């Protein structure tokens, strides 16, 4: 009886774990049109996302990538209170969730992207680099 309970517990734990991480395994289904968001960085989570105050609303933008990728690209990761311009798209994932995801970011205010974060198909560039693609320096 006790072994049956232990097996059931293990199976239930595995099923719950799968459900919780399913979003992380979801693939990209659609990449929407690009939109430009300019505002003051209200909140940031390195490796996660930004919340940008556009003075009309606070917008959550995901997919900023790891700080190490920004460092490799020679771009300083922006801090709360700095003005940023972010080119972003709505990405639909296979589990039908949608997120506004950054494609590129201008951190110095010149209107030109200082860092590219995603390929046209929505895949993160820092993940491609991990697959043997190295930054080419001129």
N, C-alpha and C. Protein backbone atom coordinates (compact mmCIF):
# COMPACT_ATOMS: atom_id res chain seq x y z
N UNK A 1 0.82 -1.19 0.00
CA UNK A 1 0.00 0.00 0.00
C UNK A 1 0.86 1.26 0.00
N UNK A 2 1.91 1.26 0.82
CA UNK A 2 2.79 2.41 0.93
C UNK A 2 3.53 2.67 -0.38
N UNK A 3 3.98 1.60 -1.07
CA UNK A 3 4.66 1.74 -2.35
C UNK A 3 3.73 2.32 -3.40
N UNK A 4 2.48 1.92 -3.37
CA UNK A 4 1.50 2.45 -4.31
C UNK A 4 1.32 3.95 -4.11
N UNK A 5 1.27 4.39 -2.86
CA UNK A 5 1.15 5.81 -2.55
C UNK A 5 2.38 6.57 -3.05
N UNK A 6 3.56 6.02 -2.82
CA UNK A 6 4.81 6.67 -3.26
C UNK A 6 4.83 6.79 -4.79
N UNK A 7 4.44 5.72 -5.48
CA UNK A 7 4.41 5.78 -6.95
C UNK A 7 3.42 6.83 -7.44
N UNK A 8 2.25 6.87 -6.83
CA UNK A 8 1.24 7.87 -7.21
C UNK A 8 1.76 9.28 -6.98
N UNK A 9 2.43 9.47 -5.87
CA UNK A 9 2.99 10.78 -5.55
C UNK A 9 4.05 11.19 -6.58
N UNK A 10 4.91 10.27 -6.94
CA UNK A 10 5.96 10.56 -7.93
C UNK A 10 5.33 10.89 -9.28
N UNK A 11 4.35 10.10 -9.70
CA UNK A 11 3.68 10.35 -10.98
C UNK A 11 2.99 11.71 -10.96
N UNK A 12 2.27 12.01 -9.89
CA UNK A 12 1.59 13.30 -9.77
C UNK A 12 2.60 14.45 -9.80
N UNK A 13 3.71 14.31 -9.13
CA UNK A 13 4.76 15.34 -9.13
C UNK A 13 5.30 15.57 -10.53
N UNK A 14 5.56 14.49 -11.25
CA UNK A 14 6.07 14.61 -12.62
C UNK A 14 5.06 15.30 -13.53
N UNK A 15 3.79 14.93 -13.41
CA UNK A 15 2.74 15.55 -14.23
C UNK A 15 2.64 17.03 -13.92
N UNK A 16 2.64 17.40 -12.66
CA UNK A 16 2.54 18.82 -12.27
C UNK A 16 3.77 19.60 -12.76
N UNK A 17 4.94 19.00 -12.69
CA UNK A 17 6.14 19.65 -13.18
C UNK A 17 6.03 19.90 -14.68
N UNK A 18 5.56 18.91 -15.43
CA UNK A 18 5.39 19.08 -16.87
C UNK A 18 4.42 20.21 -17.17
N UNK A 19 3.31 20.28 -16.45
CA UNK A 19 2.33 21.34 -16.68
C UNK A 19 2.94 22.70 -16.40
N UNK A 20 3.73 22.81 -15.34
CA UNK A 20 4.31 24.10 -14.96
C UNK A 20 5.35 24.58 -15.97
N UNK A 21 6.09 23.69 -16.58
CA UNK A 21 7.15 24.11 -17.51
C UNK A 21 6.70 24.06 -18.96
N UNK A 22 5.46 23.73 -19.21
CA UNK A 22 4.97 23.60 -20.58
C UNK A 22 5.17 24.89 -21.36
N UNK A 23 4.91 26.05 -20.74
CA UNK A 23 5.09 27.33 -21.42
C UNK A 23 6.52 27.51 -21.88
N UNK A 24 7.47 27.07 -21.07
CA UNK A 24 8.88 27.22 -21.44
C UNK A 24 9.21 26.38 -22.67
N UNK A 25 8.49 25.30 -22.90
CA UNK A 25 8.74 24.44 -24.04
C UNK A 25 7.93 24.85 -25.26
N UNK A 26 7.04 25.80 -25.09
CA UNK A 26 6.17 26.19 -26.20
C UNK A 26 6.97 26.87 -27.29
N UNK A 27 6.72 26.48 -28.53
CA UNK A 27 7.41 27.08 -29.66
C UNK A 27 6.68 28.31 -30.17
N UNK A 28 7.37 29.07 -31.01
CA UNK A 28 6.80 30.27 -31.60
C UNK A 28 5.91 29.87 -32.77
N UNK A 29 4.66 30.37 -32.76
CA UNK A 29 3.70 30.08 -33.80
C UNK A 29 3.59 31.25 -34.77
N UNK A 30 3.61 32.49 -34.23
CA UNK A 30 3.43 33.67 -35.07
C UNK A 30 4.21 34.84 -34.50
N UNK A 31 4.74 35.66 -35.41
CA UNK A 31 5.42 36.89 -35.04
C UNK A 31 4.65 38.03 -35.68
N UNK A 32 4.11 38.93 -34.86
CA UNK A 32 3.30 40.03 -35.35
C UNK A 32 4.12 41.16 -35.93
N UNK A 33 3.43 42.24 -36.28
CA UNK A 33 4.09 43.43 -36.82
C UNK A 33 4.87 44.15 -35.74
N UNK A 34 5.93 44.82 -36.18
CA UNK A 34 6.79 45.55 -35.25
C UNK A 34 6.11 46.83 -34.77
N UNK A 35 6.33 47.15 -33.50
CA UNK A 35 5.87 48.40 -32.92
C UNK A 35 7.04 49.02 -32.17
N UNK A 36 7.03 50.34 -32.04
CA UNK A 36 8.11 51.05 -31.37
C UNK A 36 7.57 51.65 -30.08
N UNK A 37 8.26 51.38 -28.98
CA UNK A 37 7.87 51.90 -27.68
C UNK A 37 9.02 52.74 -27.15
N UNK A 38 8.73 53.99 -26.80
CA UNK A 38 9.74 54.87 -26.21
C UNK A 38 9.22 55.36 -24.87
N UNK A 39 10.08 55.31 -23.88
CA UNK A 39 9.71 55.77 -22.56
C UNK A 39 10.83 55.58 -21.57
N UNK A 40 10.50 55.79 -20.32
CA UNK A 40 11.47 55.67 -19.23
C UNK A 40 11.36 54.27 -18.64
N UNK A 41 12.51 53.66 -18.47
CA UNK A 41 12.55 52.32 -17.89
C UNK A 41 12.04 52.39 -16.46
N UNK A 42 10.92 51.75 -16.22
CA UNK A 42 10.23 51.79 -14.93
C UNK A 42 10.69 50.67 -14.02
N UNK A 43 10.95 49.52 -14.63
CA UNK A 43 11.36 48.34 -13.89
C UNK A 43 12.08 47.42 -14.87
N UNK A 44 13.11 46.74 -14.39
CA UNK A 44 13.78 45.78 -15.28
C UNK A 44 14.20 44.55 -14.51
N UNK A 45 14.19 43.46 -15.23
CA UNK A 45 14.60 42.18 -14.68
C UNK A 45 15.59 41.57 -15.67
N UNK A 46 16.89 41.71 -15.41
CA UNK A 46 17.86 41.13 -16.34
C UNK A 46 17.55 39.67 -16.64
N UNK A 47 17.58 39.34 -17.91
CA UNK A 47 17.24 38.00 -18.33
C UNK A 47 15.74 37.80 -18.49
N UNK A 48 14.98 38.80 -18.11
CA UNK A 48 13.53 38.71 -18.19
C UNK A 48 12.97 39.80 -19.07
N UNK A 49 12.41 40.81 -18.47
CA UNK A 49 11.78 41.85 -19.25
C UNK A 49 11.88 43.22 -18.63
N UNK A 50 11.32 44.17 -19.36
CA UNK A 50 11.29 45.57 -18.94
C UNK A 50 9.83 45.97 -18.75
N UNK A 51 9.64 46.97 -17.93
CA UNK A 51 8.38 47.68 -17.86
C UNK A 51 8.74 49.12 -18.17
N UNK A 52 8.12 49.65 -19.23
CA UNK A 52 8.46 50.98 -19.73
C UNK A 52 7.28 51.92 -19.51
N UNK A 53 7.56 53.08 -18.91
CA UNK A 53 6.55 54.10 -18.69
C UNK A 53 6.58 55.06 -19.88
N UNK A 54 5.54 55.00 -20.71
CA UNK A 54 5.48 55.84 -21.91
C UNK A 54 4.82 57.19 -21.62
N UNK A 55 4.48 57.45 -20.38
CA UNK A 55 3.74 58.62 -19.88
C UNK A 55 2.24 58.46 -20.14
N UNK A 56 1.85 57.50 -20.95
CA UNK A 56 0.43 57.18 -21.16
C UNK A 56 0.06 55.88 -20.46
N UNK A 57 1.03 54.97 -20.40
CA UNK A 57 0.81 53.68 -19.77
C UNK A 57 2.15 53.02 -19.47
N UNK A 58 2.11 51.99 -18.64
CA UNK A 58 3.30 51.19 -18.37
C UNK A 58 3.14 49.89 -19.14
N UNK A 59 4.13 49.62 -20.00
CA UNK A 59 4.05 48.47 -20.91
C UNK A 59 5.11 47.44 -20.52
N UNK A 60 4.69 46.19 -20.42
CA UNK A 60 5.61 45.09 -20.15
C UNK A 60 6.16 44.57 -21.47
N UNK A 61 7.48 44.47 -21.55
CA UNK A 61 8.15 43.97 -22.74
C UNK A 61 9.12 42.88 -22.30
N UNK A 62 9.01 41.74 -22.94
CA UNK A 62 9.80 40.57 -22.55
C UNK A 62 10.95 40.32 -23.53
N UNK A 63 11.80 39.37 -23.14
CA UNK A 63 12.83 38.90 -24.05
C UNK A 63 14.05 39.79 -24.16
N UNK A 64 14.46 40.41 -23.06
CA UNK A 64 15.60 41.31 -23.11
C UNK A 64 16.93 40.57 -23.12
N UNK A 65 16.90 39.30 -22.79
CA UNK A 65 18.11 38.50 -22.85
C UNK A 65 18.99 38.65 -21.63
N UNK A 66 19.99 37.79 -21.53
CA UNK A 66 20.90 37.84 -20.39
C UNK A 66 21.86 39.02 -20.48
N UNK A 67 22.26 39.53 -19.33
CA UNK A 67 23.21 40.65 -19.28
C UNK A 67 24.50 40.27 -19.99
N UNK A 68 24.90 39.01 -19.91
CA UNK A 68 26.15 38.58 -20.55
C UNK A 68 26.09 38.79 -22.07
N UNK A 69 24.91 38.62 -22.68
CA UNK A 69 24.77 38.87 -24.12
C UNK A 69 24.98 40.35 -24.41
N UNK A 70 24.38 41.22 -23.59
CA UNK A 70 24.55 42.66 -23.76
C UNK A 70 26.05 43.02 -23.63
N UNK A 71 26.71 42.45 -22.64
CA UNK A 71 28.15 42.71 -22.45
C UNK A 71 28.95 42.24 -23.66
N UNK A 72 28.63 41.05 -24.18
CA UNK A 72 29.32 40.53 -25.36
C UNK A 72 29.15 41.45 -26.57
N UNK A 73 27.98 42.11 -26.64
CA UNK A 73 27.69 43.03 -27.75
C UNK A 73 28.27 44.42 -27.51
N UNK A 74 28.85 44.64 -26.32
CA UNK A 74 29.45 45.94 -26.01
C UNK A 74 28.42 47.01 -25.70
N UNK A 75 27.25 46.60 -25.22
CA UNK A 75 26.17 47.54 -24.90
C UNK A 75 25.87 47.43 -23.41
N UNK A 76 25.84 48.59 -22.75
CA UNK A 76 25.53 48.60 -21.32
C UNK A 76 24.04 48.36 -21.11
N UNK A 77 23.73 47.44 -20.22
CA UNK A 77 22.34 47.12 -19.92
C UNK A 77 21.71 48.35 -19.26
N UNK A 78 20.55 48.80 -19.75
CA UNK A 78 19.94 50.03 -19.21
C UNK A 78 19.46 49.86 -17.77
N UNK A 79 19.40 50.98 -17.08
CA UNK A 79 18.99 51.01 -15.68
C UNK A 79 17.66 51.72 -15.53
N UNK A 80 16.96 51.42 -14.45
CA UNK A 80 15.70 52.09 -14.14
C UNK A 80 15.92 53.59 -14.16
N UNK A 81 15.01 54.32 -14.80
CA UNK A 81 15.09 55.78 -14.88
C UNK A 81 15.66 56.28 -16.20
N UNK A 82 16.30 55.39 -16.97
CA UNK A 82 16.86 55.78 -18.26
C UNK A 82 15.80 55.69 -19.35
N UNK A 83 15.91 56.56 -20.35
CA UNK A 83 14.98 56.51 -21.47
C UNK A 83 15.48 55.47 -22.48
N UNK A 84 14.55 54.69 -22.99
CA UNK A 84 14.87 53.66 -23.97
C UNK A 84 13.85 53.70 -25.10
N UNK A 85 14.28 53.23 -26.26
CA UNK A 85 13.36 52.96 -27.36
C UNK A 85 13.51 51.49 -27.69
N UNK A 86 12.37 50.80 -27.74
CA UNK A 86 12.39 49.36 -27.97
C UNK A 86 11.52 49.04 -29.17
N UNK A 87 12.10 48.32 -30.13
CA UNK A 87 11.35 47.79 -31.27
C UNK A 87 10.90 46.40 -30.83
N UNK A 88 9.60 46.17 -30.83
CA UNK A 88 9.06 44.91 -30.30
C UNK A 88 7.97 44.37 -31.21
N UNK A 89 7.69 43.09 -31.04
CA UNK A 89 6.62 42.41 -31.77
C UNK A 89 5.82 41.57 -30.79
N UNK A 90 4.57 41.32 -31.14
CA UNK A 90 3.77 40.38 -30.35
C UNK A 90 4.06 38.99 -30.91
N UNK A 91 4.52 38.12 -30.03
CA UNK A 91 4.80 36.74 -30.42
C UNK A 91 3.73 35.84 -29.81
N UNK A 92 3.17 34.98 -30.66
CA UNK A 92 2.19 33.99 -30.20
C UNK A 92 2.92 32.66 -30.10
N UNK A 93 2.76 32.01 -28.96
CA UNK A 93 3.42 30.74 -28.71
C UNK A 93 2.43 29.59 -28.94
N UNK A 94 2.95 28.38 -29.03
CA UNK A 94 2.12 27.22 -29.35
C UNK A 94 1.06 26.93 -28.28
N UNK A 95 1.22 27.47 -27.09
CA UNK A 95 0.21 27.28 -26.05
C UNK A 95 -0.82 28.42 -26.06
N UNK A 96 -0.82 29.21 -27.15
CA UNK A 96 -1.75 30.33 -27.38
C UNK A 96 -1.50 31.55 -26.49
N UNK A 97 -0.40 31.58 -25.75
CA UNK A 97 -0.07 32.79 -25.01
C UNK A 97 0.59 33.78 -25.96
N UNK A 98 0.44 35.07 -25.65
CA UNK A 98 1.06 36.13 -26.44
C UNK A 98 1.86 37.02 -25.51
N UNK A 99 3.01 37.47 -26.00
CA UNK A 99 3.84 38.39 -25.25
C UNK A 99 4.41 39.43 -26.20
N UNK A 100 4.55 40.65 -25.70
CA UNK A 100 5.24 41.70 -26.43
C UNK A 100 6.73 41.48 -26.18
N UNK A 101 7.47 41.17 -27.25
CA UNK A 101 8.85 40.73 -27.11
C UNK A 101 9.78 41.68 -27.87
N UNK A 102 10.85 42.08 -27.21
CA UNK A 102 11.81 43.01 -27.80
C UNK A 102 12.58 42.38 -28.96
N UNK A 103 12.72 43.15 -30.04
CA UNK A 103 13.55 42.77 -31.18
C UNK A 103 14.91 43.46 -31.10
N UNK A 104 14.88 44.75 -30.74
CA UNK A 104 16.11 45.54 -30.63
C UNK A 104 15.85 46.71 -29.69
N UNK A 105 16.94 47.33 -29.22
CA UNK A 105 16.82 48.40 -28.23
C UNK A 105 17.82 49.51 -28.53
N UNK A 106 17.35 50.76 -28.38
CA UNK A 106 18.20 51.95 -28.44
C UNK A 106 18.33 52.47 -27.02
N UNK A 107 19.56 52.48 -26.49
CA UNK A 107 19.77 52.93 -25.12
C UNK A 107 20.44 54.29 -25.03
N UNK A 108 20.97 54.79 -26.16
CA UNK A 108 21.66 56.08 -26.09
C UNK A 108 20.87 57.24 -26.68
N UNK A 109 19.64 56.97 -27.11
CA UNK A 109 18.74 58.03 -27.53
C UNK A 109 18.99 58.61 -28.92
N UNK A 110 19.78 57.91 -29.75
CA UNK A 110 20.04 58.45 -31.09
C UNK A 110 19.07 57.94 -32.15
N UNK A 111 18.10 57.12 -31.73
CA UNK A 111 17.10 56.61 -32.66
C UNK A 111 17.54 55.40 -33.46
N UNK A 112 18.73 54.89 -33.16
CA UNK A 112 19.27 53.72 -33.86
C UNK A 112 19.46 52.61 -32.83
N UNK A 113 19.05 51.41 -33.20
CA UNK A 113 19.18 50.28 -32.28
C UNK A 113 20.64 50.04 -31.92
N UNK A 114 20.91 49.92 -30.63
CA UNK A 114 22.26 49.63 -30.15
C UNK A 114 22.51 48.14 -30.00
N UNK A 115 21.42 47.37 -29.89
CA UNK A 115 21.56 45.92 -29.73
C UNK A 115 20.38 45.23 -30.41
N UNK A 116 20.69 44.19 -31.15
CA UNK A 116 19.67 43.33 -31.77
C UNK A 116 19.50 42.13 -30.85
N UNK A 117 18.24 41.80 -30.55
CA UNK A 117 17.97 40.72 -29.61
C UNK A 117 17.39 39.47 -30.24
N UNK A 118 16.70 39.63 -31.38
CA UNK A 118 16.03 38.48 -31.99
C UNK A 118 16.18 38.48 -33.49
N UNK A 119 16.13 37.28 -34.05
CA UNK A 119 16.13 37.11 -35.49
C UNK A 119 14.71 37.42 -35.99
N UNK A 120 14.54 37.54 -37.29
CA UNK A 120 13.23 37.85 -37.87
C UNK A 120 12.16 36.84 -37.50
N UNK A 121 12.55 35.59 -37.28
CA UNK A 121 11.57 34.56 -36.93
C UNK A 121 11.26 34.54 -35.44
N UNK A 122 11.84 35.48 -34.68
CA UNK A 122 11.55 35.60 -33.26
C UNK A 122 12.50 34.87 -32.33
N UNK A 123 13.42 34.08 -32.87
CA UNK A 123 14.33 33.34 -31.99
C UNK A 123 15.39 34.27 -31.41
N UNK A 124 15.72 34.06 -30.14
CA UNK A 124 16.72 34.92 -29.47
C UNK A 124 18.11 34.73 -30.07
N UNK A 125 18.79 35.84 -30.33
CA UNK A 125 20.14 35.77 -30.91
C UNK A 125 21.15 35.19 -29.93
N UNK A 126 20.94 35.40 -28.63
CA UNK A 126 21.88 34.85 -27.66
C UNK A 126 21.82 33.34 -27.63
N UNK A 127 20.72 32.74 -27.99
CA UNK A 127 20.64 31.28 -28.06
C UNK A 127 21.35 30.76 -29.30
N UNK A 128 21.28 31.51 -30.40
CA UNK A 128 21.98 31.10 -31.62
C UNK A 128 23.48 31.13 -31.39
N UNK A 129 23.94 32.14 -30.65
CA UNK A 129 25.37 32.23 -30.37
C UNK A 129 25.81 31.01 -29.58
N UNK A 130 24.95 30.52 -28.71
CA UNK A 130 25.28 29.33 -27.92
C UNK A 130 25.39 28.09 -28.77
N UNK A 131 24.91 28.13 -30.00
CA UNK A 131 24.97 26.98 -30.89
C UNK A 131 26.15 27.09 -31.86
N UNK A 132 27.18 27.79 -31.42
CA UNK A 132 28.38 27.87 -32.24
C UNK A 132 28.48 29.13 -33.08
N UNK A 133 27.47 29.99 -33.07
CA UNK A 133 27.53 31.23 -33.84
C UNK A 133 28.24 32.28 -32.98
N UNK A 134 29.37 32.71 -33.39
CA UNK A 134 30.15 33.69 -32.64
C UNK A 134 29.97 35.08 -33.23
N UNK A 135 30.13 36.09 -32.38
CA UNK A 135 30.06 37.47 -32.84
C UNK A 135 31.24 37.74 -33.76
N UNK A 136 30.95 38.34 -34.89
CA UNK A 136 32.00 38.70 -35.84
C UNK A 136 32.39 40.14 -35.57
N UNK A 137 33.65 40.38 -35.30
CA UNK A 137 34.11 41.74 -35.09
C UNK A 137 34.87 42.21 -36.30
N UNK A 138 34.70 43.48 -36.59
CA UNK A 138 35.36 44.03 -37.79
C UNK A 138 36.68 44.66 -37.43
